[in-house]
Amino acid sequence: MGVMGAELREFEASGLSWRAEAAPSEVIRREIADRLMSIETIAGVAVLKRNLVRTVLRVPLVSGERVIVKRYAVRGLRDWIKYTFVPSRAKAEWVTG
């Protein structure tokens, strides 16, 4: 069990480790995770915010629903090493949310 009692699934996609609630995990993998590197070029995707720390996108799903995707910047090797030992900003925000 995971956040708020939800069952979680973990998977690898686009060179990252992902954790999602079990129910929508295949949709997240197929429509977001597997296409992460080109997600901003998908029709209907809107950039809501962009700064040095993160980019916030509104991404339409095939079902007609829309989800918010936050991409945090990892600034080089130092960040990769740091986030091996401490939770990343993305993970900390996800757990808090």
N, C-alpha and C. Protein backbone atom coordinates (compact mmCIF):
# COMPACT_ATOMS: atom_id res chain seq x y z
N MET A 1 0.84 -1.18 0.00
CA MET A 1 0.00 0.00 0.00
C MET A 1 0.88 1.24 0.00
N GLY A 2 0.35 2.32 -0.46
CA GLY A 2 1.15 3.52 -0.59
C GLY A 2 0.48 4.72 0.02
N VAL A 3 0.56 5.80 -0.70
CA VAL A 3 0.03 7.07 -0.24
C VAL A 3 -1.47 6.94 -0.01
N MET A 4 -1.91 7.35 1.18
CA MET A 4 -3.33 7.34 1.54
C MET A 4 -3.97 5.97 1.29
N GLY A 5 -3.22 4.87 1.44
CA GLY A 5 -3.75 3.54 1.30
C GLY A 5 -3.87 3.03 -0.12
N ALA A 6 -3.50 3.82 -1.10
CA ALA A 6 -3.60 3.40 -2.49
C ALA A 6 -2.48 2.41 -2.82
N GLU A 7 -2.81 1.40 -3.61
CA GLU A 7 -1.79 0.47 -4.08
C GLU A 7 -0.98 1.18 -5.16
N LEU A 8 0.33 1.03 -5.09
CA LEU A 8 1.21 1.71 -6.02
C LEU A 8 1.92 0.72 -6.93
N ARG A 9 2.24 1.18 -8.13
CA ARG A 9 3.05 0.41 -9.09
C ARG A 9 4.31 1.22 -9.36
N GLU A 10 5.42 0.52 -9.50
CA GLU A 10 6.68 1.17 -9.87
C GLU A 10 7.11 0.61 -11.21
N PHE A 11 7.68 1.50 -12.05
CA PHE A 11 8.15 1.07 -13.37
C PHE A 11 9.24 2.01 -13.84
N GLU A 12 9.96 1.60 -14.85
CA GLU A 12 11.01 2.41 -15.47
C GLU A 12 10.52 2.85 -16.85
N ALA A 13 10.73 4.12 -17.16
CA ALA A 13 10.38 4.64 -18.48
C ALA A 13 11.14 5.94 -18.71
N SER A 14 11.57 6.15 -19.92
CA SER A 14 12.31 7.37 -20.30
C SER A 14 13.52 7.61 -19.41
N GLY A 15 14.15 6.52 -18.96
CA GLY A 15 15.35 6.63 -18.14
C GLY A 15 15.11 7.04 -16.70
N LEU A 16 13.85 7.00 -16.26
CA LEU A 16 13.51 7.41 -14.89
C LEU A 16 12.75 6.30 -14.18
N SER A 17 12.78 6.35 -12.86
CA SER A 17 11.96 5.46 -12.04
C SER A 17 10.65 6.19 -11.75
N TRP A 18 9.54 5.49 -11.94
CA TRP A 18 8.22 6.08 -11.75
C TRP A 18 7.48 5.32 -10.66
N ARG A 19 6.58 6.02 -9.96
CA ARG A 19 5.69 5.40 -8.99
C ARG A 19 4.33 6.04 -9.21
N ALA A 20 3.32 5.20 -9.41
CA ALA A 20 1.97 5.71 -9.66
C ALA A 20 0.95 4.81 -8.98
N GLU A 21 -0.21 5.36 -8.71
CA GLU A 21 -1.30 4.54 -8.19
C GLU A 21 -1.58 3.44 -9.21
N ALA A 22 -1.92 2.27 -8.72
CA ALA A 22 -2.08 1.10 -9.59
C ALA A 22 -3.12 1.31 -10.68
N ALA A 23 -4.26 1.87 -10.34
CA ALA A 23 -5.36 1.99 -11.31
C ALA A 23 -4.96 2.74 -12.57
N PRO A 24 -4.38 3.93 -12.47
CA PRO A 24 -4.03 4.66 -13.70
C PRO A 24 -2.60 4.41 -14.19
N SER A 25 -1.88 3.48 -13.59
CA SER A 25 -0.45 3.34 -13.89
C SER A 25 -0.16 3.01 -15.36
N GLU A 26 -0.98 2.18 -16.01
CA GLU A 26 -0.74 1.86 -17.42
C GLU A 26 -0.99 3.07 -18.32
N VAL A 27 -2.00 3.86 -17.99
CA VAL A 27 -2.27 5.08 -18.76
C VAL A 27 -1.11 6.05 -18.58
N ILE A 28 -0.64 6.19 -17.37
CA ILE A 28 0.49 7.09 -17.10
C ILE A 28 1.73 6.63 -17.85
N ARG A 29 1.98 5.33 -17.84
CA ARG A 29 3.15 4.81 -18.56
C ARG A 29 3.02 5.07 -20.07
N ARG A 30 1.90 4.70 -20.64
CA ARG A 30 1.70 4.77 -22.09
C ARG A 30 1.60 6.20 -22.60
N GLU A 31 0.85 7.04 -21.91
CA GLU A 31 0.55 8.37 -22.45
C GLU A 31 1.47 9.47 -21.94
N ILE A 32 2.20 9.20 -20.86
CA ILE A 32 3.09 10.23 -20.32
C ILE A 32 4.53 9.73 -20.22
N ALA A 33 4.75 8.70 -19.44
CA ALA A 33 6.12 8.26 -19.14
C ALA A 33 6.89 7.85 -20.38
N ASP A 34 6.28 7.04 -21.24
CA ASP A 34 6.98 6.58 -22.44
C ASP A 34 7.22 7.70 -23.45
N ARG A 35 6.48 8.80 -23.33
CA ARG A 35 6.59 9.92 -24.28
C ARG A 35 7.16 11.17 -23.63
N LEU A 36 7.77 11.03 -22.46
CA LEU A 36 8.20 12.18 -21.69
C LEU A 36 9.16 13.09 -22.44
N MET A 37 10.08 12.52 -23.19
CA MET A 37 11.08 13.34 -23.86
C MET A 37 10.49 14.25 -24.94
N SER A 38 9.34 13.88 -25.47
CA SER A 38 8.72 14.70 -26.51
C SER A 38 7.32 15.19 -26.10
N ILE A 39 7.03 15.14 -24.83
CA ILE A 39 5.66 15.43 -24.38
C ILE A 39 5.19 16.84 -24.73
N GLU A 40 6.10 17.79 -24.77
CA GLU A 40 5.69 19.17 -25.07
C GLU A 40 5.26 19.35 -26.53
N THR A 41 5.57 18.39 -27.38
CA THR A 41 5.19 18.49 -28.80
C THR A 41 3.86 17.80 -29.09
N ILE A 42 3.26 17.17 -28.12
CA ILE A 42 1.98 16.47 -28.30
C ILE A 42 0.86 17.51 -28.43
N ALA A 43 -0.02 17.29 -29.39
CA ALA A 43 -1.14 18.21 -29.61
C ALA A 43 -1.96 18.37 -28.34
N GLY A 44 -2.26 19.61 -28.00
CA GLY A 44 -3.11 19.89 -26.85
C GLY A 44 -2.37 20.10 -25.55
N VAL A 45 -1.07 19.82 -25.51
CA VAL A 45 -0.30 20.03 -24.29
C VAL A 45 -0.07 21.52 -24.11
N ALA A 46 -0.32 22.00 -22.89
CA ALA A 46 -0.13 23.42 -22.59
C ALA A 46 0.92 23.57 -21.50
N VAL A 47 1.87 24.47 -21.72
CA VAL A 47 2.86 24.80 -20.70
C VAL A 47 2.22 25.83 -19.78
N LEU A 48 2.05 25.46 -18.51
CA LEU A 48 1.43 26.36 -17.55
C LEU A 48 2.46 27.22 -16.82
N LYS A 49 3.66 26.67 -16.65
CA LYS A 49 4.71 27.38 -15.93
C LYS A 49 6.05 26.81 -16.35
N ARG A 50 7.04 27.67 -16.49
CA ARG A 50 8.39 27.22 -16.78
C ARG A 50 9.36 28.15 -16.07
N ASN A 51 10.26 27.56 -15.28
CA ASN A 51 11.32 28.34 -14.65
C ASN A 51 12.56 27.45 -14.53
N LEU A 52 13.56 27.89 -13.81
CA LEU A 52 14.80 27.11 -13.69
C LEU A 52 14.61 25.82 -12.91
N VAL A 53 13.58 25.75 -12.08
CA VAL A 53 13.37 24.58 -11.23
C VAL A 53 12.48 23.54 -11.89
N ARG A 54 11.39 23.96 -12.53
CA ARG A 54 10.46 22.99 -13.10
C ARG A 54 9.64 23.58 -14.23
N THR A 55 9.08 22.65 -15.01
CA THR A 55 8.10 22.99 -16.04
C THR A 55 6.81 22.28 -15.66
N VAL A 56 5.71 23.00 -15.69
CA VAL A 56 4.40 22.44 -15.37
C VAL A 56 3.58 22.41 -16.65
N LEU A 57 3.08 21.22 -16.99
CA LEU A 57 2.33 21.01 -18.22
C LEU A 57 0.92 20.50 -17.92
N ARG A 58 -0.04 20.88 -18.74
CA ARG A 58 -1.37 20.26 -18.71
C ARG A 58 -1.42 19.36 -19.94
N VAL A 59 -1.58 18.05 -19.69
CA VAL A 59 -1.50 17.06 -20.76
C VAL A 59 -2.85 16.37 -20.94
N PRO A 60 -3.42 16.43 -22.15
CA PRO A 60 -4.68 15.72 -22.40
C PRO A 60 -4.41 14.23 -22.60
N LEU A 61 -5.29 13.40 -22.04
CA LEU A 61 -5.21 11.95 -22.23
C LEU A 61 -6.20 11.52 -23.30
N VAL A 62 -6.01 10.34 -23.82
CA VAL A 62 -6.91 9.81 -24.86
C VAL A 62 -8.35 9.76 -24.35
N SER A 63 -8.53 9.54 -23.06
CA SER A 63 -9.87 9.46 -22.47
C SER A 63 -10.60 10.80 -22.46
N GLY A 64 -9.88 11.89 -22.73
CA GLY A 64 -10.47 13.23 -22.66
C GLY A 64 -10.12 13.94 -21.36
N GLU A 65 -9.65 13.19 -20.38
CA GLU A 65 -9.22 13.81 -19.13
C GLU A 65 -7.91 14.55 -19.37
N ARG A 66 -7.60 15.44 -18.45
CA ARG A 66 -6.32 16.15 -18.51
C ARG A 66 -5.61 15.97 -17.18
N VAL A 67 -4.29 15.86 -17.23
CA VAL A 67 -3.49 15.72 -16.02
C VAL A 67 -2.41 16.79 -16.02
N ILE A 68 -1.94 17.10 -14.83
CA ILE A 68 -0.84 18.04 -14.66
C ILE A 68 0.45 17.22 -14.52
N VAL A 69 1.45 17.56 -15.31
CA VAL A 69 2.76 16.90 -15.27
C VAL A 69 3.78 17.96 -14.89
N LYS A 70 4.55 17.66 -13.84
CA LYS A 70 5.62 18.56 -13.40
C LYS A 70 6.95 17.90 -13.70
N ARG A 71 7.76 18.56 -14.50
CA ARG A 71 9.11 18.07 -14.82
C ARG A 71 10.11 18.95 -14.09
N TYR A 72 10.82 18.34 -13.17
CA TYR A 72 11.83 19.07 -12.40
C TYR A 72 13.17 18.99 -13.11
N ALA A 73 13.91 20.09 -13.06
CA ALA A 73 15.23 20.14 -13.67
C ALA A 73 16.23 19.42 -12.77
N VAL A 74 17.04 18.58 -13.37
CA VAL A 74 18.16 17.96 -12.68
C VAL A 74 19.39 18.59 -13.30
N ARG A 75 20.12 19.31 -12.48
CA ARG A 75 21.24 20.10 -12.97
C ARG A 75 22.55 19.35 -12.80
N GLY A 76 22.75 18.37 -13.64
CA GLY A 76 24.04 17.71 -13.71
C GLY A 76 24.24 16.55 -12.74
N LEU A 77 25.46 16.06 -12.75
CA LEU A 77 25.85 14.88 -11.99
C LEU A 77 25.63 15.06 -10.48
N ARG A 78 25.90 16.25 -9.99
CA ARG A 78 25.73 16.50 -8.55
C ARG A 78 24.30 16.22 -8.10
N ASP A 79 23.31 16.70 -8.85
CA ASP A 79 21.91 16.43 -8.50
C ASP A 79 21.60 14.95 -8.57
N TRP A 80 22.06 14.25 -9.61
CA TRP A 80 21.81 12.81 -9.73
C TRP A 80 22.35 12.07 -8.51
N ILE A 81 23.55 12.43 -8.08
CA ILE A 81 24.14 11.77 -6.90
C ILE A 81 23.34 12.13 -5.64
N LYS A 82 23.02 13.41 -5.49
CA LYS A 82 22.27 13.85 -4.31
C LYS A 82 20.94 13.11 -4.20
N TYR A 83 20.21 12.99 -5.31
CA TYR A 83 18.89 12.38 -5.27
C TYR A 83 18.94 10.86 -5.14
N THR A 84 20.13 10.29 -5.18
CA THR A 84 20.29 8.88 -4.86
C THR A 84 20.13 8.66 -3.36
N PHE A 85 20.46 9.68 -2.58
CA PHE A 85 20.47 9.55 -1.12
C PHE A 85 19.36 10.31 -0.41
N VAL A 86 18.85 11.36 -1.01
CA VAL A 86 17.77 12.14 -0.40
C VAL A 86 16.62 12.23 -1.41
N PRO A 87 15.39 12.36 -0.92
CA PRO A 87 14.27 12.47 -1.86
C PRO A 87 14.41 13.68 -2.76
N SER A 88 14.08 13.50 -4.02
CA SER A 88 14.10 14.61 -4.97
C SER A 88 12.97 15.58 -4.64
N ARG A 89 13.03 16.77 -5.21
CA ARG A 89 11.94 17.73 -5.04
C ARG A 89 10.63 17.13 -5.54
N ALA A 90 10.70 16.43 -6.65
CA ALA A 90 9.49 15.83 -7.22
C ALA A 90 8.89 14.81 -6.27
N LYS A 91 9.71 13.93 -5.73
CA LYS A 91 9.20 12.90 -4.83
C LYS A 91 8.65 13.53 -3.55
N ALA A 92 9.35 14.48 -2.99
CA ALA A 92 8.88 15.14 -1.76
C ALA A 92 7.52 15.81 -1.99
N GLU A 93 7.37 16.48 -3.13
CA GLU A 93 6.10 17.15 -3.42
C GLU A 93 4.98 16.13 -3.66
N TRP A 94 5.31 15.03 -4.34
CA TRP A 94 4.30 13.99 -4.61
C TRP A 94 3.81 13.37 -3.30
N VAL A 95 4.73 13.04 -2.41
CA VAL A 95 4.37 12.43 -1.12
C VAL A 95 3.51 13.40 -0.31
N THR A 96 3.91 14.67 -0.30
CA THR A 96 3.15 15.68 0.44
C THR A 96 1.75 15.86 -0.15
N GLY A 97 1.66 15.82 -1.47
CA GLY A 97 0.37 16.01 -2.16
C GLY A 97 -0.55 14.86 -1.92
